N, C-alpha and C. Protein backbone atom coordinates (compact mmCIF):
# COMPACT_ATOMS: atom_id res chain seq x y z
N MET A 1 15.59 3.14 25.82
CA MET A 1 14.24 3.40 26.51
C MET A 1 13.87 4.68 24.87
N SER A 2 12.49 4.40 24.58
CA SER A 2 12.16 4.88 23.50
C SER A 2 11.18 6.02 23.95
N PRO A 3 11.11 7.09 23.53
CA PRO A 3 10.67 8.79 23.68
C PRO A 3 9.40 8.33 24.68
N LEU A 4 8.39 7.57 24.07
CA LEU A 4 7.05 7.64 24.45
C LEU A 4 7.17 7.19 26.05
N ALA A 5 8.10 5.82 26.11
CA ALA A 5 8.28 5.13 27.13
C ALA A 5 8.74 5.61 27.67
N THR A 6 9.73 7.02 28.03
CA THR A 6 10.26 7.78 28.85
C THR A 6 9.20 8.98 29.38
N ALA A 7 8.45 9.11 28.09
CA ALA A 7 7.09 9.90 28.84
C ALA A 7 6.51 9.63 29.94
N LEU A 8 6.21 8.08 29.82
CA LEU A 8 5.03 7.36 30.23
C LEU A 8 5.96 7.17 31.76
N THR A 9 7.02 7.35 31.77
CA THR A 9 7.51 7.07 33.43
C THR A 9 7.56 8.38 33.91
N CYS A 10 7.21 9.73 33.59
CA CYS A 10 6.42 11.10 34.11
C CYS A 10 5.46 11.25 34.05
N CYS A 11 4.69 10.36 33.67
CA CYS A 11 3.32 10.76 34.13
C CYS A 11 2.57 9.60 34.77
N ASP A 12 1.09 10.26 35.49
CA ASP A 12 0.51 9.33 36.09
C ASP A 12 -1.15 8.65 36.22
N MET A 13 -1.14 9.63 34.50
CA MET A 13 -2.81 9.46 33.84
C MET A 13 -2.52 9.79 32.54
N LEU A 14 -3.27 9.01 32.10
CA LEU A 14 -3.41 8.79 30.07
C LEU A 14 -4.83 9.38 29.40
N LEU A 15 -4.55 9.65 28.40
CA LEU A 15 -5.86 10.13 28.06
C LEU A 15 -5.61 9.18 26.55
N ILE A 16 -6.50 7.71 26.41
CA ILE A 16 -6.58 7.50 25.15
C ILE A 16 -7.56 7.21 24.61
N ASP A 17 -7.77 7.54 23.02
CA ASP A 17 -8.85 7.58 22.07
C ASP A 17 -10.07 8.67 23.52
N GLY A 18 -9.61 9.47 23.81
CA GLY A 18 -10.64 10.30 24.43
C GLY A 18 -10.61 9.90 26.08
N LEU A 19 -10.75 8.88 26.44
CA LEU A 19 -11.02 7.87 27.85
C LEU A 19 -10.05 8.48 28.68
N HIS A 20 -9.76 8.50 30.02
CA HIS A 20 -8.94 8.82 30.83
C HIS A 20 -8.40 7.56 31.78
N ALA A 21 -7.77 7.04 31.72
CA ALA A 21 -7.05 5.98 32.10
C ALA A 21 -6.15 5.99 33.06
N PHE A 22 -6.13 5.43 34.10
CA PHE A 22 -5.15 5.83 35.48
C PHE A 22 -4.37 4.43 35.83
N GLU A 23 -4.68 2.84 34.91
CA GLU A 23 -4.47 1.90 35.46
C GLU A 23 -3.22 1.67 33.71
N PHE A 24 -2.32 1.46 34.08
CA PHE A 24 -1.25 1.61 32.93
C PHE A 24 0.05 1.02 33.34
N THR A 25 0.84 0.15 32.68
CA THR A 25 1.97 -0.37 32.80
C THR A 25 2.68 -0.03 31.38
N CYS A 26 4.12 0.27 31.99
CA CYS A 26 5.21 0.09 30.26
C CYS A 26 6.05 -0.42 30.75
N ASP A 27 6.74 -1.59 30.55
CA ASP A 27 7.81 -2.11 30.73
C ASP A 27 8.76 -2.77 29.52
N GLU A 28 9.05 -4.03 30.09
CA GLU A 28 10.23 -4.84 29.15
C GLU A 28 9.06 -5.73 27.78
N SER A 29 7.67 -5.65 28.64
CA SER A 29 6.88 -6.22 27.76
C SER A 29 5.94 -5.61 27.06
N GLY A 30 6.14 -4.16 27.13
CA GLY A 30 5.24 -3.40 26.24
C GLY A 30 4.38 -2.51 27.22
N LEU A 31 3.46 -1.78 26.74
CA LEU A 31 2.26 -0.87 27.33
C LEU A 31 1.05 -1.66 27.23
N SER A 32 0.81 -1.74 28.68
CA SER A 32 -1.00 -2.29 28.83
C SER A 32 -1.86 -0.92 29.51
N ILE A 33 -2.94 -0.84 28.91
CA ILE A 33 -3.62 0.32 29.46
C ILE A 33 -5.15 -0.32 30.36
N GLU A 34 -5.76 -0.10 31.24
CA GLU A 34 -7.14 -0.43 31.00
C GLU A 34 -7.71 0.55 31.88
N CYS A 35 -8.84 1.07 31.34
CA CYS A 35 -9.90 2.02 32.30
C CYS A 35 -11.40 1.39 31.78
N MET A 36 -12.42 2.16 32.26
CA MET A 36 -13.76 1.74 32.38
C MET A 36 -14.19 2.62 31.72
N ASP A 37 -15.34 2.36 30.80
CA ASP A 37 -15.64 3.36 29.70
C ASP A 37 -17.68 3.15 30.10
N GLY A 38 -18.11 3.66 30.95
CA GLY A 38 -19.14 3.37 31.30
C GLY A 38 -19.05 2.36 32.18
N ARG A 39 -19.96 1.10 31.72
CA ARG A 39 -20.02 0.14 32.53
C ARG A 39 -18.98 -1.60 31.79
N GLN A 40 -18.14 -0.33 30.36
CA GLN A 40 -17.42 -1.37 29.60
C GLN A 40 -15.82 -0.97 30.30
N HIS A 41 -15.89 -2.51 30.38
CA HIS A 41 -14.16 -2.39 31.10
C HIS A 41 -13.46 -2.52 29.47
N ARG A 42 -12.17 -1.51 29.20
CA ARG A 42 -11.33 -1.15 28.18
C ARG A 42 -10.24 -1.51 28.51
N ARG A 43 -9.45 -2.52 27.36
CA ARG A 43 -8.31 -2.92 27.40
C ARG A 43 -7.26 -2.16 26.45
N TRP A 44 -5.92 -2.28 26.29
CA TRP A 44 -5.04 -1.77 25.32
C TRP A 44 -4.01 -2.43 25.52
N SER A 45 -3.13 -2.93 24.29
CA SER A 45 -2.06 -3.75 24.92
C SER A 45 -1.33 -3.35 23.48
N PHE A 46 -0.06 -2.73 23.85
CA PHE A 46 1.04 -2.33 22.45
C PHE A 46 2.30 -3.43 23.03
N THR A 47 3.01 -3.38 21.93
CA THR A 47 4.38 -4.43 22.16
C THR A 47 5.46 -3.71 22.22
N PRO A 48 6.34 -3.86 22.98
CA PRO A 48 7.73 -3.05 22.84
C PRO A 48 8.04 -2.33 21.23
N GLU A 49 7.79 -3.10 20.45
CA GLU A 49 7.98 -2.45 18.64
C GLU A 49 7.16 -1.36 18.67
N GLN A 50 5.75 -1.45 18.89
CA GLN A 50 4.81 -0.18 18.77
C GLN A 50 5.07 0.88 19.38
N VAL A 51 5.36 0.79 20.77
CA VAL A 51 5.66 1.76 21.55
C VAL A 51 6.75 2.45 21.08
N ALA A 52 7.67 1.81 20.64
CA ALA A 52 9.14 2.31 19.77
C ALA A 52 8.58 3.19 19.00
N ALA A 53 7.96 2.53 18.24
CA ALA A 53 7.08 3.49 16.86
C ALA A 53 6.27 4.45 16.79
N ALA A 54 5.97 4.70 18.11
CA ALA A 54 4.96 5.56 18.37
C ALA A 54 5.67 7.31 18.21
N VAL A 55 4.93 8.17 17.67
CA VAL A 55 5.04 8.96 16.99
C VAL A 55 4.24 10.39 17.83
N GLY A 56 5.31 11.28 18.45
CA GLY A 56 4.77 12.05 19.32
C GLY A 56 5.24 13.77 19.27
N GLU A 57 4.09 14.65 19.79
CA GLU A 57 4.78 15.75 19.99
C GLU A 57 4.27 16.49 21.37
N GLY A 58 5.20 16.64 21.50
CA GLY A 58 4.46 17.26 23.33
C GLY A 58 4.41 16.13 23.82
N ASP A 59 3.15 16.10 24.42
CA ASP A 59 2.89 15.02 25.59
C ASP A 59 1.82 14.40 24.75
N GLN A 60 1.40 14.36 22.88
CA GLN A 60 0.73 13.59 22.50
C GLN A 60 0.98 12.94 21.52
N TRP A 61 0.98 11.56 21.74
CA TRP A 61 1.35 10.53 21.00
C TRP A 61 0.47 9.91 20.08
N GLN A 62 0.58 9.24 18.84
CA GLN A 62 0.17 8.42 17.89
C GLN A 62 0.42 7.10 18.34
N LEU A 63 -0.32 6.05 18.36
CA LEU A 63 0.10 4.15 18.10
C LEU A 63 -0.72 3.40 17.28
N SER A 64 -0.45 2.52 16.87
CA SER A 64 -1.17 1.57 15.96
C SER A 64 -0.73 0.55 16.21
N ASP A 65 -1.92 -0.24 16.26
CA ASP A 65 -1.89 -1.81 16.67
C ASP A 65 -2.86 -2.37 15.73
N ALA A 66 -2.98 -3.31 15.88
CA ALA A 66 -4.19 -4.47 14.80
C ALA A 66 -5.26 -3.73 14.89
N GLN A 67 -5.72 -3.02 15.63
CA GLN A 67 -7.37 -2.47 15.64
C GLN A 67 -6.92 -0.80 15.09
N GLY A 68 -5.93 -0.58 14.67
CA GLY A 68 -5.91 0.96 14.25
C GLY A 68 -4.66 1.88 14.80
N GLU A 69 -5.26 3.26 14.29
CA GLU A 69 -4.69 4.30 15.15
C GLU A 69 -5.48 4.61 16.63
N HIS A 70 -4.34 5.02 17.45
CA HIS A 70 -4.72 5.19 18.78
C HIS A 70 -3.94 6.72 19.08
N ARG A 71 -4.87 7.46 19.27
CA ARG A 71 -4.24 8.84 20.24
C ARG A 71 -4.36 8.64 21.69
N LEU A 72 -2.56 9.18 22.22
CA LEU A 72 -2.00 8.68 23.81
C LEU A 72 -1.94 10.22 23.71
N VAL A 73 -2.42 10.80 25.27
CA VAL A 73 -1.68 12.02 26.01
C VAL A 73 -1.43 11.57 27.32
N CYS A 74 0.01 11.92 27.19
CA CYS A 74 0.29 11.58 29.03
C CYS A 74 0.19 13.24 29.82
N MET A 75 -0.16 12.29 30.86
CA MET A 75 -1.30 13.69 31.77
C MET A 75 -0.65 13.43 33.17
N SER A 76 -0.48 14.60 33.89
CA SER A 76 -0.33 14.25 35.36
C SER A 76 -1.79 14.61 36.13
N ALA A 77 -1.90 13.62 37.11
CA ALA A 77 -3.47 13.55 37.55
C ALA A 77 -2.87 15.01 38.80
N PHE A 78 -4.29 15.62 38.88
CA PHE A 78 -4.23 16.47 40.09
C PHE A 78 -4.47 15.73 41.24
N ARG A 79 -4.00 16.16 42.35
CA ARG A 79 -3.84 15.67 43.75
C ARG A 79 -4.47 17.07 44.33
N ALA A 80 -4.83 16.46 45.54
CA ALA A 80 -5.41 17.30 46.88
C ALA A 80 -4.20 17.83 47.59
N PRO A 81 -4.11 18.73 47.98
CA PRO A 81 -2.86 18.77 49.19
C PRO A 81 -3.13 18.28 50.55
N ASP A 82 -2.24 17.58 50.94
CA ASP A 82 -2.57 16.51 52.58
C ASP A 82 -3.05 18.07 53.19
N GLU A 83 -4.23 16.94 54.29
CA GLU A 83 -4.70 17.73 54.86
C GLU A 83 -3.98 18.60 56.01
N ASP A 84 -3.56 17.65 56.35
CA ASP A 84 -2.10 18.81 57.42
C ASP A 84 -1.60 19.81 56.72
N ASP A 85 -1.46 20.16 55.89
CA ASP A 85 -0.61 21.42 55.41
C ASP A 85 -1.60 22.33 55.77
N ASP A 86 -3.02 22.32 55.74
CA ASP A 86 -4.08 23.96 56.14
C ASP A 86 -4.24 23.86 57.53
N GLU A 87 -3.38 23.09 58.32
CA GLU A 87 -3.99 23.32 59.77
C GLU A 87 -2.53 24.01 60.26
N PRO A 88 -2.81 24.51 61.54
CA PRO A 88 -1.97 25.59 62.02
C PRO A 88 -0.83 24.54 62.63
N ASP A 89 0.40 24.82 62.49
CA ASP A 89 1.11 23.36 63.75
C ASP A 89 1.34 24.42 65.37
N LEU A 90 -0.16 23.67 65.95
CA LEU A 90 0.25 24.16 67.45
C LEU A 90 1.47 24.14 67.99
N ASP A 91 2.13 23.56 67.65
CA ASP A 91 3.71 23.22 68.46
C ASP A 91 4.65 24.63 68.19
N GLN A 92 4.24 25.26 67.37
CA GLN A 92 4.86 26.74 67.05
C GLN A 92 4.19 27.92 67.09
N PRO A 93 4.78 28.84 67.97
CA PRO A 93 4.27 30.17 68.12
C PRO A 93 4.02 30.74 67.09
N ALA A 94 2.72 31.51 67.28
CA ALA A 94 1.96 31.52 66.34
C ALA A 94 2.71 33.29 65.82
N ASP A 95 2.76 33.48 64.33
CA ASP A 95 3.39 35.03 64.11
C ASP A 95 2.93 36.02 64.53
N ARG A 96 3.28 37.32 65.05
CA ARG A 96 2.64 38.27 65.39
C ARG A 96 3.18 39.77 64.51
């Protein structure tokens, strides 16, 4: 597995060319990314060879395809805590 492919397994959001993308897959067929840019549906596809050739530093990567260079940033999405965590457990006695 290439370093970028490994990094992609640990993230749940990408920033590609300045656009946030939550829809992406990386498997033996390569990397595919989809996102909305305003009303325009954007798609990127990279072969396994292009993913393997990606140059990275930290969470930032440079990928090349037929359209040119693309900047990719691996990110973790912020998640709201479960609502149950904020409510006291009524079955447990309160601390005094």
